[in-house]
Amino acid sequence: MFWVLKRHPFLYTTRFKLLSKNVSVDDIGSCTYNDTNKKEDISNYYSEINNTIFKDFTPQTDVLRVQNLSVWLQNNIKGGPGLSEPSDKALKIMLAGKGGVCSDMAQVFNNFCVINEIRVREWGTTRAPFNTAFGGHSFNEFFSKELNKWILIDPSNSLFFYNSGEETPLSVVELFQLIRKEKDISYKSFNDKKKLEVKSIQRNYLNPNTIPFLICNYSNKTYDKFLRHTRPYIPVFVTHFALYLLRKSYHYRFPLDDYKIIFSED
């Protein structure tokens, strides 16, 4: 019931009205999950699982490390209902095969990147105008020191995007700029054990009405603390609204679009 309430169209659009900001591409340069979340803010359970992921060897480049993280998570998390739990409990539930959607995967991936000293951030997509049939999608972007650029990674699909004919993966901004110019885009999964669902890629990224937004100022420590005390006693959206009133909430930055077009008519 709480999940249904969270996805109710009124609550969904209200969240965007309260949390959204229009910014330039330059304005998102300083927004990283690492700035708000330090290693000591991440549950020790993540370090335990991280040792399992890299028990045999630790890749030396950022690209290879995130690929290993993504593949391991995708292969070991079956998925299920959406979770709004403290981060350690959420990971335990996901590894037990009892839950987890794309937003849960993206948040878990954030924490693993922090403890591996990889700069990371979380993105979402929605539709403009708002479409009740599309609940949105969450994914990540990491900074490759070797390539000196941000790279979109979808840990739910172990996926990179490319400008057709090129070998360097695209950033989020690069991908959506190319889509709007109707350029040829290619994509590839680096997980040989999972079949890529082409329809979901079209739905979550390539639909021309899809717009991206960056999630900023999410404090894992703060949300863990509040969720431990409020779940399952009150609806999750009440907890989120309380944090908004306390000015401890995350917010959405729209670098390519005016977020108000979400609320426009067809």
Protein backbone atom coordinates (compact mmCIF):
# COMPACT_ATOMS: atom_id res chain seq x y z
CA MET A 1 0.00 0.00 0.00
CA PHE A 2 2.85 2.39 0.86
CA TRP A 3 4.45 1.73 -2.54
CA VAL A 4 1.16 2.47 -4.32
CA LEU A 5 0.80 5.73 -2.38
CA LYS A 6 4.37 6.67 -3.24
CA ARG A 7 3.62 6.18 -6.94
CA HIS A 8 0.27 7.97 -6.87
CA PRO A 9 0.25 10.59 -9.69
CA PHE A 10 -0.50 13.45 -7.30
CA LEU A 11 2.39 12.57 -4.99
CA TYR A 12 4.68 11.90 -7.94
CA THR A 13 4.10 15.27 -9.57
CA THR A 14 4.08 17.10 -6.23
CA ARG A 15 7.53 15.72 -5.48
CA PHE A 16 8.85 17.19 -8.73
CA LYS A 17 7.22 20.56 -8.03
CA LEU A 18 8.85 20.74 -4.60
CA LEU A 19 12.29 19.36 -5.38
CA SER A 20 13.13 20.43 -8.95
CA LYS A 21 15.52 23.14 -10.10
CA ASN A 22 16.41 24.30 -13.60
CA VAL A 23 20.18 24.55 -14.00
CA SER A 24 22.81 24.76 -16.73
CA VAL A 25 25.08 21.87 -17.66
CA ASP A 26 27.92 23.69 -15.90
CA ASP A 27 25.89 23.80 -12.69
CA ILE A 28 25.91 20.02 -12.28
CA GLY A 29 29.69 19.70 -12.38
CA SER A 30 30.08 20.03 -8.63
CA CYS A 31 27.27 17.64 -7.69
CA THR A 32 28.52 14.20 -6.64
CA TYR A 33 27.22 11.62 -4.20
CA ASN A 34 30.70 11.50 -2.64
CA ASP A 35 30.54 15.14 -1.52
CA THR A 36 27.55 14.38 0.70
CA ASN A 37 28.54 10.85 1.70
CA LYS A 38 31.90 9.80 3.09
CA LYS A 39 33.26 6.29 3.61
CA GLU A 40 32.47 6.40 7.31
CA ASP A 41 28.81 7.18 6.51
CA ILE A 42 28.40 3.85 4.70
CA SER A 43 27.38 0.74 6.65
CA ASN A 44 30.15 -1.79 7.31
CA TYR A 45 27.95 -4.37 5.62
CA TYR A 46 28.86 -2.80 2.28
CA SER A 47 32.55 -3.30 3.00
CA GLU A 48 31.90 -6.96 3.82
CA ILE A 49 30.12 -7.50 0.51
CA ASN A 50 32.74 -5.44 -1.32
CA ASN A 51 35.43 -7.81 -0.05
CA THR A 52 33.42 -10.68 -1.54
CA ILE A 53 33.03 -8.91 -4.88
CA PHE A 54 36.77 -8.26 -5.16
CA LYS A 55 38.05 -11.34 -3.31
CA ASP A 56 40.10 -12.56 -6.27
CA PHE A 57 41.50 -9.28 -7.59
CA THR A 58 40.87 -5.53 -7.68
CA PRO A 59 40.86 -3.95 -11.15
CA GLN A 60 43.17 -0.97 -11.44
CA THR A 61 40.96 1.33 -13.52
CA ASP A 62 37.69 3.02 -12.59
CA VAL A 63 35.95 1.59 -15.67
CA LEU A 64 36.88 -2.01 -14.85
CA ARG A 65 36.01 -1.61 -11.17
CA VAL A 66 32.51 -0.30 -11.87
CA GLN A 67 31.98 -2.99 -14.48
CA ASN A 68 32.86 -5.65 -11.92
CA LEU A 69 30.57 -4.03 -9.35
CA SER A 70 27.68 -3.79 -11.78
CA VAL A 71 27.99 -7.35 -13.07
CA TRP A 72 28.23 -8.83 -9.57
CA LEU A 73 25.20 -6.88 -8.35
CA GLN A 74 23.12 -7.73 -11.41
CA ASN A 75 24.00 -11.42 -11.13
CA ASN A 76 23.26 -11.59 -7.41
CA ILE A 77 20.13 -9.44 -7.15
CA LYS A 78 16.96 -10.91 -8.57
CA GLY A 79 14.86 -7.81 -7.97
CA GLY A 80 11.33 -7.41 -6.73
CA PRO A 81 9.18 -4.81 -4.96
CA GLY A 82 10.58 -1.34 -4.42
CA LEU A 83 12.26 -0.74 -1.05
CA SER A 84 12.41 2.31 1.17
CA GLU A 85 14.65 0.89 3.87
CA PRO A 86 17.92 1.87 5.56
CA SER A 87 20.78 1.15 3.15
CA ASP A 88 22.19 -1.89 4.96
CA LYS A 89 18.78 -3.52 5.32
CA ALA A 90 17.95 -2.72 1.70
CA LEU A 91 21.11 -4.46 0.48
CA LYS A 92 20.40 -7.52 2.65
CA ILE A 93 16.84 -7.75 1.31
CA MET A 94 18.08 -7.41 -2.27
CA LEU A 95 20.76 -10.08 -1.89
CA ALA A 96 18.16 -12.38 -0.33
CA GLY A 97 16.15 -12.09 -3.54
CA LYS A 98 13.19 -10.40 -1.85
CA GLY A 99 13.09 -6.97 -3.47
CA GLY A 100 14.77 -4.12 -5.25
CA VAL A 101 13.95 -1.92 -8.24
CA CYS A 102 16.19 0.32 -10.33
CA SER A 103 16.26 3.13 -7.76
CA ASP A 104 17.33 0.68 -5.04
CA MET A 105 20.07 -0.65 -7.32
CA ALA A 106 21.28 2.86 -8.12
CA GLN A 107 21.49 3.82 -4.43
CA VAL A 108 23.31 0.61 -3.53
CA PHE A 109 25.72 1.20 -6.41
CA ASN A 110 26.39 4.72 -5.09
CA ASN A 111 27.54 3.34 -1.76
CA PHE A 112 29.85 0.77 -3.30
CA CYS A 113 31.44 3.48 -5.42
CA VAL A 114 32.06 5.61 -2.33
CA ILE A 115 33.93 2.87 -0.49
CA ASN A 116 35.93 2.17 -3.68
CA GLU A 117 36.84 5.87 -3.98
CA ILE A 118 35.05 6.34 -7.29
CA ARG A 119 33.19 9.59 -7.91
CA VAL A 120 29.56 8.78 -8.61
CA ARG A 121 26.14 10.34 -8.89
CA GLU A 122 22.58 9.19 -9.44
CA TRP A 123 20.21 10.18 -12.24
CA GLY A 124 16.57 9.59 -12.96
CA THR A 125 14.36 9.93 -15.99
CA THR A 126 10.75 10.95 -16.30
CA ARG A 127 8.43 11.89 -19.15
CA ALA A 128 7.32 15.31 -20.34
CA PRO A 129 4.39 15.65 -20.30
CA PHE A 130 3.89 13.41 -17.27
CA ASN A 131 2.82 9.91 -18.24
CA THR A 132 1.17 7.69 -15.65
CA ALA A 133 2.28 4.60 -17.61
CA PHE A 134 5.95 5.48 -17.09
CA GLY A 135 7.15 5.32 -13.51
CA GLY A 136 10.62 6.58 -14.35
CA HIS A 137 14.04 4.95 -14.25
CA SER A 138 17.13 5.37 -12.08
CA PHE A 139 20.76 4.83 -13.04
CA ASN A 140 24.24 6.17 -12.31
CA GLU A 141 27.15 8.07 -13.70
CA PHE A 142 30.76 7.71 -12.58
CA PHE A 143 33.88 9.74 -13.27
CA SER A 144 36.68 7.87 -15.01
CA LYS A 145 40.03 9.34 -14.08
CA GLU A 146 41.65 7.46 -16.95
CA LEU A 147 39.27 8.90 -19.57
CA ASN A 148 38.83 12.20 -17.69
CA LYS A 149 35.06 12.23 -18.16
CA TRP A 150 31.72 11.22 -16.69
CA ILE A 151 30.26 7.96 -17.99
CA LEU A 152 26.66 6.77 -17.78
CA ILE A 153 26.33 3.30 -16.27
CA ASP A 154 23.09 1.42 -15.71
CA PRO A 155 23.84 -1.16 -12.97
CA SER A 156 20.42 -2.77 -13.41
CA ASN A 157 21.48 -3.74 -16.95
CA SER A 158 25.30 -3.53 -16.83
CA LEU A 159 25.08 -1.10 -19.70
CA PHE A 160 27.09 1.60 -21.48
CA PHE A 161 25.94 3.89 -24.33
CA TYR A 162 28.07 5.00 -27.29
CA ASN A 163 28.02 7.45 -30.15
CA SER A 164 27.79 5.01 -33.07
CA GLY A 165 31.23 4.12 -34.39
CA GLU A 166 33.07 5.31 -31.27
CA GLU A 167 34.53 3.28 -28.40
CA THR A 168 34.37 5.76 -25.50
CA PRO A 169 31.16 5.48 -23.43
CA LEU A 170 28.88 8.50 -23.26
CA SER A 171 27.98 10.67 -20.30
CA VAL A 172 24.33 11.29 -19.45
CA VAL A 173 24.35 14.77 -20.97
CA GLU A 174 26.11 13.52 -24.11
CA LEU A 175 23.57 10.73 -24.57
CA PHE A 176 20.49 12.92 -24.32
CA GLN A 177 22.01 15.67 -26.45
CA LEU A 178 22.66 13.13 -29.21
CA ILE A 179 19.15 11.70 -28.89
CA ARG A 180 17.68 15.17 -29.38
CA LYS A 181 19.80 15.67 -32.46
CA GLU A 182 18.47 12.33 -33.74
CA LYS A 183 21.97 10.90 -33.99
CA ASP A 184 22.63 7.17 -34.10
CA ILE A 185 23.16 5.72 -30.63
CA SER A 186 24.53 2.30 -29.80
CA TYR A 187 24.55 0.50 -26.46
CA LYS A 188 26.07 -2.66 -25.11
CA SER A 189 25.84 -4.78 -21.99
CA PHE A 190 29.12 -5.96 -20.50
CA ASN A 191 27.44 -8.80 -18.60
CA ASP A 192 27.55 -11.98 -20.66
CA LYS A 193 25.29 -13.84 -18.21
CA LYS A 194 22.25 -11.59 -18.63
CA LYS A 195 20.17 -10.93 -21.72
CA LEU A 196 19.65 -7.24 -22.45
CA GLU A 197 16.00 -6.22 -22.74
CA VAL A 198 15.96 -3.93 -25.76
CA LYS A 199 12.39 -2.73 -25.11
CA SER A 200 13.37 -1.45 -21.67
CA ILE A 201 16.26 0.55 -23.15
CA GLN A 202 13.90 2.20 -25.62
CA ARG A 203 11.39 2.88 -22.87
CA ASN A 204 13.80 4.22 -20.25
CA TYR A 205 16.21 6.20 -22.41
CA LEU A 206 15.48 6.52 -26.12
CA ASN A 207 11.85 7.62 -26.07
CA PRO A 208 11.94 11.26 -27.31
CA ASN A 209 9.74 12.44 -24.42
CA THR A 210 12.18 11.13 -21.81
CA ILE A 211 14.05 13.77 -19.83
CA PRO A 212 16.91 13.29 -17.34
CA PHE A 213 17.43 14.86 -13.94
CA LEU A 214 20.32 14.65 -11.49
CA ILE A 215 19.63 13.72 -7.87
CA CYS A 216 21.72 15.90 -5.56
CA ASN A 217 22.32 16.23 -1.83
CA TYR A 218 21.12 12.74 -0.87
CA SER A 219 22.61 11.99 2.54
CA ASN A 220 22.74 8.23 3.08
CA LYS A 221 23.46 8.73 6.79
CA THR A 222 20.48 11.05 7.27
CA TYR A 223 17.98 8.88 5.41
CA ASP A 224 19.23 5.74 7.17
CA LYS A 225 18.67 7.39 10.53
CA PHE A 226 15.16 8.57 9.74
CA LEU A 227 14.05 5.37 8.02
CA ARG A 228 15.21 3.23 10.97
CA HIS A 229 12.91 5.18 13.25
CA THR A 230 9.92 5.61 10.95
CA ARG A 231 9.62 2.36 8.99
CA PRO A 232 7.13 0.74 8.93
CA TYR A 233 5.09 3.01 11.17
CA ILE A 234 4.39 5.87 8.79
CA PRO A 235 4.27 6.11 4.98
CA VAL A 236 7.60 6.76 3.33
CA PHE A 237 6.41 9.95 1.62
CA VAL A 238 5.71 11.45 5.07
CA THR A 239 9.31 10.81 6.09
CA HIS A 240 10.55 12.40 2.87
CA PHE A 241 8.33 15.42 3.36
CA ALA A 242 9.56 15.83 6.94
CA LEU A 243 13.16 15.89 5.67
CA TYR A 244 12.12 18.44 3.06
CA LEU A 245 10.68 20.69 5.77
CA LEU A 246 13.88 20.26 7.79
CA ARG A 247 15.91 21.20 4.68
CA LYS A 248 17.71 17.88 4.77
CA SER A 249 16.15 16.52 1.59
CA TYR A 250 17.72 15.74 -1.77
CA HIS A 251 16.71 17.77 -4.82
CA TYR A 252 16.50 17.32 -8.60
CA ARG A 253 18.55 19.32 -11.10
CA PHE A 254 17.38 19.56 -14.71
CA PRO A 255 20.34 20.62 -16.90
CA LEU A 256 18.73 20.07 -20.32
CA ASP A 257 15.04 20.88 -19.87
CA ASP A 258 12.68 23.19 -18.06
CA TYR A 259 11.18 20.82 -15.46
CA LYS A 260 7.82 22.62 -15.76
CA ILE A 261 7.16 20.85 -19.07
CA ILE A 262 6.46 17.74 -16.99
CA PHE A 263 3.18 19.36 -15.97
CA SER A 264 2.18 20.56 -19.45
CA GLU A 265 -0.64 19.08 -21.48
CA ASP A 266 -0.10 16.77 -24.47
